[in-house]
Amino acid sequence: MKVLVRGGGDLASAVIYKLWQSGFKVLVYDLPLPSCVRRTVSFCNAIAEGQWEIEGVCGTFIKELSEIDDCFARKEIPVSTMPEEKLVEYFRPDIFVDATVSKRAADYDKNFADLVIALGPNVMAGRDAHVVVETKRGHFLGRLIYEGFAAPNTGIPGDVDGFTSDRVLRAPQAGRVQHIRAIGDTVEQGEAVCRVGDAVVSAAIPGVIRGLIAEGYQARQGLKIGDIDPRNDLRHCYTISDKGRTIAGGVLEAILHHQAAGEYLNFCGND
C-alpha cells in the first residue's frame, strides 16, 4: 500500500519510520524551508542535507517524479518539496496522513484518499479525515478518534521531568537564527544557545539541546526554535521519542483497522 505523508518533522518522521518498517511505500512531502526543531530525527532534514538517516532508515531528497521509484528500489524514502497535487496525481496514494500537526483547519477532506488520517487538533474526524490521532501527552495520547476533534491546543508544552514552557526556546523577536551551540550540546541555565537577529536566546533550564531550528532560518517572533531536554541523555537527541512512537502506533492501528474492516466486508459480500 502507498502512503503520502504531509510533513517531515519529528512526529511525522516517527509515523514515516513506523510505516516504512512495516512494509508500506511511503512518500514524504514538506515545505522547502520547514520550521523543524528536532532536525536530527526529522526526515525533512534531507531537504537541506540531500539525505538523512534516522535509526538506520534513510530519507532522500528528490526533485523529479521519476526519482520516487528509484528511491524505493534503493530502499530509501523519497522526500519531496514538489507541489503536493503533482505528487498525488503521480503517486496515487492509498492513504494520506496529515502529520504536520499544524493546528489549523484542514484543507482536504475524506475524498483525498481511500483512507485519510490526521494528527492533532482542528481536524474533524468523520468530515475532514476518516480518523484523527490524539497528540496531546497524557492518558489519551495515540488514541483513535472517529468522530469529532482531538484535544485543543493549550499552547503549553508537555511535562518532561517537571518542566513545560521552560524547556522550549522561542524567538524573542523576528530575525535570522544564528547558532551558538549545537544539538547534542549540554548547557547550563542562562547559557547562550543561539541568536535571533541581535537578540541572544539562552537556556532557561540545564540540560541537553535536543532540538534547534536550522541555521539561517528567518524566524517570526514567538516561534519555537529550540528544545532543552532536562533528562540530559544524549540518546534522546538521535532517537524517536516515546510520544512519536505512540502516535505512530496509532496511525498503524488506524490503517490495519481500516484494512481489516474492508476485508471483512469483502468476505461477507462473497459469502
C-alpha atoms as a PDB file:
ATOM      1  CA  MET A   1       0.000   0.000   0.000  1.00  0.00           C
ATOM      2  CA  LYS A   2       1.175   3.529  -0.825  1.00  0.00           C
ATOM      3  CA  VAL A   3       1.171   6.289   1.778  1.00  0.00           C
ATOM      4  CA  LEU A   4       1.674  10.018   1.230  1.00  0.00           C
ATOM      5  CA  VAL A   5       2.707  11.780   4.430  1.00  0.00           C
ATOM      6  CA  ARG A   6       2.389  15.553   4.602  1.00  0.00           C
ATOM      7  CA  GLY A   7       5.125  16.790   6.924  1.00  0.00           C
ATOM      8  CA  GLY A   8       8.599  15.585   7.767  1.00  0.00           C
ATOM      9  CA  GLY A   9       9.132  16.867  11.320  1.00  0.00           C
ATOM     10  CA  ASP A  10       9.868  14.689  14.326  1.00  0.00           C
ATOM     11  CA  LEU A  11       6.330  13.394  14.968  1.00  0.00           C
ATOM     12  CA  ALA A  12       5.715  12.931  11.256  1.00  0.00           C
ATOM     13  CA  SER A  13       9.035  11.091  10.966  1.00  0.00           C
ATOM     14  CA  ALA A  14       8.042   8.724  13.771  1.00  0.00           C
ATOM     15  CA  VAL A  15       4.995   7.827  11.652  1.00  0.00           C
ATOM     16  CA  ILE A  16       7.077   7.600   8.464  1.00  0.00           C
ATOM     17  CA  TYR A  17       9.606   5.330  10.160  1.00  0.00           C
ATOM     18  CA  LYS A  18       6.923   3.042  11.622  1.00  0.00           C
ATOM     19  CA  LEU A  19       5.047   2.650   8.328  1.00  0.00           C
ATOM     20  CA  TRP A  20       8.243   2.134   6.316  1.00  0.00           C
ATOM     21  CA  GLN A  21       9.461  -0.527   8.733  1.00  0.00           C
ATOM     22  CA  SER A  22       6.032  -2.180   8.477  1.00  0.00           C
ATOM     23  CA  GLY A  23       6.331  -2.586   4.710  1.00  0.00           C
ATOM     24  CA  PHE A  24       4.438   0.407   3.305  1.00  0.00           C
ATOM     25  CA  LYS A  25       5.697   2.533   0.417  1.00  0.00           C
ATOM     26  CA  VAL A  26       5.967   5.983   1.947  1.00  0.00           C
ATOM     27  CA  LEU A  27       6.374   9.285   0.093  1.00  0.00           C
ATOM     28  CA  VAL A  28       7.035  12.431   2.143  1.00  0.00           C
ATOM     29  CA  TYR A  29       6.017  15.981   1.236  1.00  0.00           C
ATOM     30  CA  ASP A  30       7.195  19.083   3.068  1.00  0.00           C
ATOM     31  CA  LEU A  31       7.898  22.761   2.530  1.00  0.00           C
ATOM     32  CA  PRO A  32      11.226  23.896   1.047  1.00  0.00           C
ATOM     33  CA  LEU A  33      12.140  25.582   4.368  1.00  0.00           C
ATOM     34  CA  PRO A  34      10.413  23.587   7.124  1.00  0.00           C
ATOM     35  CA  SER A  35      10.385  25.080  10.629  1.00  0.00           C
ATOM     36  CA  CYS A  36      11.781  21.885  12.085  1.00  0.00           C
ATOM     37  CA  VAL A  37      13.387  21.943  15.545  1.00  0.00           C
ATOM     38  CA  ARG A  38      14.254  18.281  16.179  1.00  0.00           C
ATOM     39  CA  ARG A  39      16.208  18.068  12.938  1.00  0.00           C
ATOM     40  CA  THR A  40      18.266  15.016  13.962  1.00  0.00           C
ATOM     41  CA  VAL A  41      15.125  12.850  13.971  1.00  0.00           C
ATOM     42  CA  SER A  42      13.252  14.520  11.092  1.00  0.00           C
ATOM     43  CA  PHE A  43      13.270  13.244   7.523  1.00  0.00           C
ATOM     44  CA  CYS A  44      12.611  16.780   6.289  1.00  0.00           C
ATOM     45  CA  ASN A  45      16.277  17.428   7.122  1.00  0.00           C
ATOM     46  CA  ALA A  46      17.028  15.584   3.870  1.00  0.00           C
ATOM     47  CA  ILE A  47      15.793  18.718   2.055  1.00  0.00           C
ATOM     48  CA  ALA A  48      18.834  20.631   3.321  1.00  0.00           C
ATOM     49  CA  GLU A  49      21.288  17.736   3.578  1.00  0.00           C
ATOM     50  CA  GLY A  50      20.359  15.679   0.493  1.00  0.00           C
ATOM     51  CA  GLN A  51      19.946  12.550   2.600  1.00  0.00           C
ATOM     52  CA  TRP A  52      19.101  11.969   6.234  1.00  0.00           C
ATOM     53  CA  GLU A  53      19.123   8.767   8.274  1.00  0.00           C
ATOM     54  CA  ILE A  54      17.013   8.011  11.342  1.00  0.00           C
ATOM     55  CA  GLU A  55      17.654   4.797  13.250  1.00  0.00           C
ATOM     56  CA  GLY A  56      19.008   3.052  10.166  1.00  0.00           C
ATOM     57  CA  VAL A  57      16.334   4.285   7.729  1.00  0.00           C
ATOM     58  CA  CYS A  58      17.399   6.727   5.004  1.00  0.00           C
ATOM     59  CA  GLY A  59      15.345   9.553   3.514  1.00  0.00           C
ATOM     60  CA  THR A  60      16.495  11.098   0.211  1.00  0.00           C
ATOM     61  CA  PHE A  61      15.532  14.482  -1.207  1.00  0.00           C
ATOM     62  CA  ILE A  62      14.136  14.209  -4.740  1.00  0.00           C
ATOM     63  CA  LYS A  63      13.437  16.855  -7.372  1.00  0.00           C
ATOM     64  CA  GLU A  64      11.829  14.730 -10.104  1.00  0.00           C
ATOM     65  CA  LEU A  65       8.841  12.371 -10.028  1.00  0.00           C
ATOM     66  CA  SER A  66      10.908   9.649 -11.707  1.00  0.00           C
ATOM     67  CA  GLU A  67      13.144   9.545  -8.617  1.00  0.00           C
ATOM     68  CA  ILE A  68      10.331   8.177  -6.445  1.00  0.00           C
ATOM     69  CA  ASP A  69      10.586   4.641  -7.803  1.00  0.00           C
ATOM     70  CA  ASP A  70      14.387   4.883  -7.856  1.00  0.00           C
ATOM     71  CA  CYS A  71      14.325   5.584  -4.128  1.00  0.00           C
ATOM     72  CA  PHE A  72      12.048   2.648  -3.436  1.00  0.00           C
ATOM     73  CA  ALA A  73      14.360   0.394  -5.458  1.00  0.00           C
ATOM     74  CA  ARG A  74      17.276   1.514  -3.241  1.00  0.00           C
ATOM     75  CA  LYS A  75      15.123   1.053  -0.115  1.00  0.00           C
ATOM     76  CA  GLU A  76      15.166   4.778   0.613  1.00  0.00           C
ATOM     77  CA  ILE A  77      12.262   7.065   1.488  1.00  0.00           C
ATOM     78  CA  PRO A  78      11.670   9.820  -1.096  1.00  0.00           C
ATOM     79  CA  VAL A  79      11.284  13.302   0.415  1.00  0.00           C
ATOM     80  CA  SER A  80       9.901  15.993  -1.881  1.00  0.00           C
ATOM     81  CA  THR A  81       9.012  19.679  -1.980  1.00  0.00           C
ATOM     82  CA  MET A  82       7.253  19.396  -5.334  1.00  0.00           C
ATOM     83  CA  PRO A  83       3.609  20.593  -5.346  1.00  0.00           C
ATOM     84  CA  GLU A  84       1.507  18.150  -3.379  1.00  0.00           C
ATOM     85  CA  GLU A  85      -1.152  17.872  -6.093  1.00  0.00           C
ATOM     86  CA  LYS A  86       1.571  16.813  -8.544  1.00  0.00           C
ATOM     87  CA  LEU A  87       2.745  14.098  -6.149  1.00  0.00           C
ATOM     88  CA  VAL A  88      -0.822  12.871  -5.594  1.00  0.00           C
ATOM     89  CA  GLU A  89      -1.503  12.656  -9.344  1.00  0.00           C
ATOM     90  CA  TYR A  90       1.665  10.656  -9.966  1.00  0.00           C
ATOM     91  CA  PHE A  91       1.862   8.508  -6.830  1.00  0.00           C
ATOM     92  CA  ARG A  92      -1.881   7.903  -6.336  1.00  0.00           C
ATOM     93  CA  PRO A  93      -1.635   7.096  -2.618  1.00  0.00           C
ATOM     94  CA  ASP A  94      -3.995   4.662  -0.947  1.00  0.00           C
ATOM     95  CA  ILE A  95      -3.507   6.509   2.344  1.00  0.00           C
ATOM     96  CA  PHE A  96      -2.952  10.186   3.124  1.00  0.00           C
ATOM     97  CA  VAL A  97      -1.541  11.196   6.505  1.00  0.00           C
ATOM     98  CA  ASP A  98      -1.540  14.849   7.536  1.00  0.00           C
ATOM     99  CA  ALA A  99       1.301  14.734  10.058  1.00  0.00           C
ATOM    100  CA  THR A 100       2.016  18.466  10.192  1.00  0.00           C
ATOM    101  CA  VAL A 101       0.136  18.929  13.497  1.00  0.00           C
ATOM    102  CA  SER A 102      -0.357  22.446  12.158  1.00  0.00           C
ATOM    103  CA  LYS A 103      -3.276  23.234  14.498  1.00  0.00           C
ATOM    104  CA  ARG A 104      -5.051  24.820  11.516  1.00  0.00           C
ATOM    105  CA  ALA A 105      -8.295  23.838   9.810  1.00  0.00           C
ATOM    106  CA  ALA A 106      -7.930  21.103   7.204  1.00  0.00           C
ATOM    107  CA  ASP A 107      -7.589  21.997   3.516  1.00  0.00           C
ATOM    108  CA  TYR A 108      -8.676  18.479   2.492  1.00  0.00           C
ATOM    109  CA  ASP A 109     -11.498  16.041   3.183  1.00  0.00           C
ATOM    110  CA  LYS A 110     -12.158  12.290   3.249  1.00  0.00           C
ATOM    111  CA  ASN A 111     -12.145  12.114  -0.548  1.00  0.00           C
ATOM    112  CA  PHE A 112      -8.418  12.922  -0.662  1.00  0.00           C
ATOM    113  CA  ALA A 113      -7.566   9.189  -0.454  1.00  0.00           C
ATOM    114  CA  ASP A 114      -9.168   5.865   0.394  1.00  0.00           C
ATOM    115  CA  LEU A 115      -8.044   6.458   3.990  1.00  0.00           C
ATOM    116  CA  VAL A 116      -7.288   9.926   5.378  1.00  0.00           C
ATOM    117  CA  ILE A 117      -5.600  10.189   8.779  1.00  0.00           C
ATOM    118  CA  ALA A 118      -4.716  13.390  10.627  1.00  0.00           C
ATOM    119  CA  LEU A 119      -2.660  14.089  13.721  1.00  0.00           C
ATOM    120  CA  GLY A 120      -3.786  16.513  16.386  1.00  0.00           C
ATOM    121  CA  PRO A 121      -6.383  19.269  16.859  1.00  0.00           C
ATOM    122  CA  ASN A 122      -8.588  21.292  14.492  1.00  0.00           C
ATOM    123  CA  VAL A 123      -9.201  18.437  12.041  1.00  0.00           C
ATOM    124  CA  MET A 124     -12.656  16.903  12.342  1.00  0.00           C
ATOM    125  CA  ALA A 125     -12.817  13.124  12.235  1.00  0.00           C
ATOM    126  CA  GLY A 126     -15.735  11.962  10.135  1.00  0.00           C
ATOM    127  CA  ARG A 127     -15.664  15.094   7.978  1.00  0.00           C
ATOM    128  CA  ASP A 128     -12.107  16.151   7.138  1.00  0.00           C
ATOM    129  CA  ALA A 129     -10.470  12.800   7.869  1.00  0.00           C
ATOM    130  CA  HIS A 130     -11.632   9.266   8.461  1.00  0.00           C
ATOM    131  CA  VAL A 131      -9.683   9.166  11.726  1.00  0.00           C
ATOM    132  CA  VAL A 132      -7.739  11.603  13.906  1.00  0.00           C
ATOM    133  CA  VAL A 133      -4.932  10.537  16.239  1.00  0.00           C
ATOM    134  CA  GLU A 134      -4.642  12.251  19.617  1.00  0.00           C
ATOM    135  CA  THR A 135      -1.294  14.051  20.015  1.00  0.00           C
ATOM    136  CA  LYS A 136      -1.665  15.604  23.467  1.00  0.00           C
ATOM    137  CA  ARG A 137       0.542  13.991  26.099  1.00  0.00           C
ATOM    138  CA  GLY A 138      -1.329  12.091  28.769  1.00  0.00           C
ATOM    139  CA  HIS A 139      -3.715   9.204  29.144  1.00  0.00           C
ATOM    140  CA  PHE A 140      -5.242   9.507  25.646  1.00  0.00           C
ATOM    141  CA  LEU A 141      -2.042  10.004  23.634  1.00  0.00           C
ATOM    142  CA  GLY A 142      -2.244   7.938  20.427  1.00  0.00           C
ATOM    143  CA  ARG A 143      -5.983   7.242  20.794  1.00  0.00           C
ATOM    144  CA  LEU A 144      -8.012   6.980  17.583  1.00  0.00           C
ATOM    145  CA  ILE A 145     -10.904   9.411  17.158  1.00  0.00           C
ATOM    146  CA  TYR A 146     -13.559   8.560  14.574  1.00  0.00           C
ATOM    147  CA  GLU A 147     -15.964  11.415  15.344  1.00  0.00           C
ATOM    148  CA  GLY A 148     -15.084  14.947  16.380  1.00  0.00           C
ATOM    149  CA  PHE A 149     -11.793  16.537  17.332  1.00  0.00           C
ATOM    150  CA  ALA A 150      -8.621  15.784  19.241  1.00  0.00           C
ATOM    151  CA  ALA A 151      -7.934  17.792  22.403  1.00  0.00           C
ATOM    152  CA  PRO A 152      -7.471  21.516  21.667  1.00  0.00           C
ATOM    153  CA  ASN A 153      -4.013  23.034  21.724  1.00  0.00           C
ATOM    154  CA  THR A 154      -3.264  24.650  25.095  1.00  0.00           C
ATOM    155  CA  GLY A 155      -0.044  26.320  23.980  1.00  0.00           C
ATOM    156  CA  ILE A 156       1.735  24.714  26.942  1.00  0.00           C
ATOM    157  CA  PRO A 157       4.389  22.092  26.082  1.00  0.00           C
ATOM    158  CA  GLY A 158       4.096  18.664  27.669  1.00  0.00           C
ATOM    159  CA  ASP A 159       5.706  17.997  31.032  1.00  0.00           C
ATOM    160  CA  VAL A 160       9.205  16.485  30.875  1.00  0.00           C
ATOM    161  CA  ASP A 161      10.756  15.884  34.301  1.00  0.00           C
ATOM    162  CA  GLY A 162       8.619  18.655  35.767  1.00  0.00           C
ATOM    163  CA  PHE A 163       9.446  21.234  33.083  1.00  0.00           C
ATOM    164  CA  THR A 164       6.998  22.566  30.483  1.00  0.00           C
ATOM    165  CA  SER A 165       7.404  26.009  28.889  1.00  0.00           C
ATOM    166  CA  ASP A 166      10.885  26.494  30.349  1.00  0.00           C
ATOM    167  CA  ARG A 167      12.334  23.726  28.200  1.00  0.00           C
ATOM    168  CA  VAL A 168      11.258  25.386  24.935  1.00  0.00           C
ATOM    169  CA  LEU A 169      13.304  28.121  23.270  1.00  0.00           C
ATOM    170  CA  ARG A 170      11.307  30.758  21.392  1.00  0.00           C
ATOM    171  CA  ALA A 171      12.339  33.633  19.178  1.00  0.00           C
ATOM    172  CA  PRO A 172      12.219  36.848  21.252  1.00  0.00           C
ATOM    173  CA  GLN A 173      11.889  38.858  18.044  1.00  0.00           C
ATOM    174  CA  ALA A 174      11.732  38.344  14.307  1.00  0.00           C
ATOM    175  CA  GLY A 175      15.092  37.705  12.682  1.00  0.00           C
ATOM    176  CA  ARG A 176      17.636  35.294  11.282  1.00  0.00           C
ATOM    177  CA  VAL A 177      18.747  32.438  13.542  1.00  0.00           C
ATOM    178  CA  GLN A 178      22.456  32.049  14.240  1.00  0.00           C
ATOM    179  CA  HIS A 179      23.706  29.064  16.228  1.00  0.00           C
ATOM    180  CA  ILE A 180      25.985  29.489  19.221  1.00  0.00           C
ATOM    181  CA  ARG A 181      25.662  25.883  20.402  1.00  0.00           C
ATOM    182  CA  ALA A 182      24.533  22.707  18.574  1.00  0.00           C
ATOM    183  CA  ILE A 183      22.091  19.839  19.026  1.00  0.00           C
ATOM    184  CA  GLY A 184      23.670  17.379  21.455  1.00  0.00           C
ATOM    185  CA  ASP A 185      25.495  20.047  23.478  1.00  0.00           C
ATOM    186  CA  THR A 186      24.943  20.218  27.227  1.00  0.00           C
ATOM    187  CA  VAL A 187      24.103  23.693  28.553  1.00  0.00           C
ATOM    188  CA  GLU A 188      23.597  25.268  31.946  1.00  0.00           C
ATOM    189  CA  GLN A 189      20.768  27.586  32.946  1.00  0.00           C
ATOM    190  CA  GLY A 190      21.367  31.016  31.453  1.00  0.00           C
ATOM    191  CA  GLU A 191      23.879  29.810  28.859  1.00  0.00           C
ATOM    192  CA  ALA A 192      23.504  31.233  25.337  1.00  0.00           C
ATOM    193  CA  VAL A 193      22.212  28.766  22.741  1.00  0.00           C
ATOM    194  CA  CYS A 194      21.614  30.934  19.668  1.00  0.00           C
ATOM    195  CA  ARG A 195      20.834  34.417  18.397  1.00  0.00           C
ATOM    196  CA  VAL A 196      17.771  35.705  16.612  1.00  0.00           C
ATOM    197  CA  GLY A 197      18.830  38.883  14.884  1.00  0.00           C
ATOM    198  CA  ASP A 198      20.781  40.744  17.545  1.00  0.00           C
ATOM    199  CA  ALA A 199      18.960  39.085  20.479  1.00  0.00           C
ATOM    200  CA  VAL A 200      20.632  36.249  22.400  1.00  0.00           C
ATOM    201  CA  VAL A 201      18.458  33.245  23.318  1.00  0.00           C
ATOM    202  CA  SER A 202      19.588  31.477  26.495  1.00  0.00           C
ATOM    203  CA  ALA A 203      18.596  28.207  28.155  1.00  0.00           C
ATOM    204  CA  ALA A 204      16.080  28.658  30.975  1.00  0.00           C
ATOM    205  CA  ILE A 205      16.984  25.246  32.418  1.00  0.00           C
ATOM    206  CA  PRO A 206      20.057  22.993  32.375  1.00  0.00           C
ATOM    207  CA  GLY A 207      20.071  20.000  30.033  1.00  0.00           C
ATOM    208  CA  VAL A 208      20.990  18.800  26.580  1.00  0.00           C
ATOM    209  CA  ILE A 209      19.988  20.673  23.427  1.00  0.00           C
ATOM    210  CA  ARG A 210      17.590  18.178  21.846  1.00  0.00           C
ATOM    211  CA  GLY A 211      16.386  20.445  19.058  1.00  0.00           C
ATOM    212  CA  LEU A 212      17.476  23.616  17.302  1.00  0.00           C
ATOM    213  CA  ILE A 213      15.985  25.154  14.174  1.00  0.00           C
ATOM    214  CA  ALA A 214      18.235  25.361  11.103  1.00  0.00           C
ATOM    215  CA  GLU A 215      20.992  27.957  10.916  1.00  0.00           C
ATOM    216  CA  GLY A 216      19.806  30.972   8.913  1.00  0.00           C
ATOM    217  CA  TYR A 217      16.080  30.310   9.381  1.00  0.00           C
ATOM    218  CA  GLN A 218      14.108  33.556   9.291  1.00  0.00           C
ATOM    219  CA  ALA A 219      12.043  33.225  12.465  1.00  0.00           C
ATOM    220  CA  ARG A 220       8.976  35.170  13.441  1.00  0.00           C
ATOM    221  CA  GLN A 221       8.599  36.433  16.991  1.00  0.00           C
ATOM    222  CA  GLY A 222       7.401  33.699  19.339  1.00  0.00           C
ATOM    223  CA  LEU A 223       8.301  30.811  17.025  1.00  0.00           C
ATOM    224  CA  LYS A 224       9.612  27.678  18.722  1.00  0.00           C
ATOM    225  CA  ILE A 225      13.286  27.474  17.726  1.00  0.00           C
ATOM    226  CA  GLY A 226      14.796  25.053  20.233  1.00  0.00           C
ATOM    227  CA  ASP A 227      14.246  22.393  22.860  1.00  0.00           C
ATOM    228  CA  ILE A 228      16.234  21.667  26.034  1.00  0.00           C
ATOM    229  CA  ASP A 229      15.870  18.164  27.477  1.00  0.00           C
ATOM    230  CA  PRO A 230      16.342  18.237  31.283  1.00  0.00           C
ATOM    231  CA  ARG A 231      16.930  14.462  31.372  1.00  0.00           C
ATOM    232  CA  ASN A 232      20.349  15.204  29.862  1.00  0.00           C
ATOM    233  CA  ASP A 233      20.514  11.920  27.927  1.00  0.00           C
ATOM    234  CA  LEU A 234      22.341  12.348  24.609  1.00  0.00           C
ATOM    235  CA  ARG A 235      20.496   9.356  23.117  1.00  0.00           C
ATOM    236  CA  HIS A 236      17.264  11.362  23.190  1.00  0.00           C
ATOM    237  CA  CYS A 237      18.715  13.709  20.555  1.00  0.00           C
ATOM    238  CA  TYR A 238      19.130  10.985  17.945  1.00  0.00           C
ATOM    239  CA  THR A 239      16.226   8.584  18.523  1.00  0.00           C
ATOM    240  CA  ILE A 240      12.462   8.762  18.046  1.00  0.00           C
ATOM    241  CA  SER A 241      10.650   9.900  21.190  1.00  0.00           C
ATOM    242  CA  ASP A 242       8.134   7.981  23.265  1.00  0.00           C
ATOM    243  CA  LYS A 243       5.453  10.445  22.132  1.00  0.00           C
ATOM    244  CA  GLY A 244       6.365   9.912  18.482  1.00  0.00           C
ATOM    245  CA  ARG A 245       6.317   6.125  18.782  1.00  0.00           C
ATOM    246  CA  THR A 246       2.915   6.180  20.496  1.00  0.00           C
ATOM    247  CA  ILE A 247       1.388   8.416  17.811  1.00  0.00           C
ATOM    248  CA  ALA A 248       2.970   6.291  15.064  1.00  0.00           C
ATOM    249  CA  GLY A 249       1.434   3.194  16.654  1.00  0.00           C
ATOM    250  CA  GLY A 250      -1.961   4.897  16.495  1.00  0.00           C
ATOM    251  CA  VAL A 251      -1.530   5.600  12.775  1.00  0.00           C
ATOM    252  CA  LEU A 252      -0.537   1.985  12.093  1.00  0.00           C
ATOM    253  CA  GLU A 253      -3.535   0.774  14.117  1.00  0.00           C
ATOM    254  CA  ALA A 254      -5.844   3.025  12.076  1.00  0.00           C
ATOM    255  CA  ILE A 255      -4.517   1.597   8.809  1.00  0.00           C
ATOM    256  CA  LEU A 256      -4.759  -2.022   9.934  1.00  0.00           C
ATOM    257  CA  HIS A 257      -8.249  -1.473  11.322  1.00  0.00           C
ATOM    258  CA  HIS A 258      -9.351   0.062   8.017  1.00  0.00           C
ATOM    259  CA  GLN A 259      -7.794  -2.800   6.099  1.00  0.00           C
ATOM    260  CA  ALA A 260      -9.363  -5.459   8.327  1.00  0.00           C
ATOM    261  CA  ALA A 261     -12.793  -3.825   8.042  1.00  0.00           C
ATOM    262  CA  GLY A 262     -12.522  -3.851   4.240  1.00  0.00           C
ATOM    263  CA  GLU A 263     -11.501  -7.485   4.161  1.00  0.00           C
ATOM    264  CA  TYR A 264     -14.420  -8.376   6.449  1.00  0.00           C
ATOM    265  CA  LEU A 265     -16.906  -6.585   4.184  1.00  0.00           C
ATOM    266  CA  ASN A 266     -15.455  -8.308   1.111  1.00  0.00           C
ATOM    267  CA  PHE A 267     -15.720 -11.663   2.884  1.00  0.00           C
ATOM    268  CA  CYS A 268     -19.340 -11.039   3.820  1.00  0.00           C
ATOM    269  CA  GLY A 269     -20.117  -9.923   0.279  1.00  0.00           C
ATOM    270  CA  ASN A 270     -18.539 -13.005  -1.239  1.00  0.00           C
ATOM    271  CA  ASP A 271     -20.400 -15.206   1.228  1.00  0.00           C
END
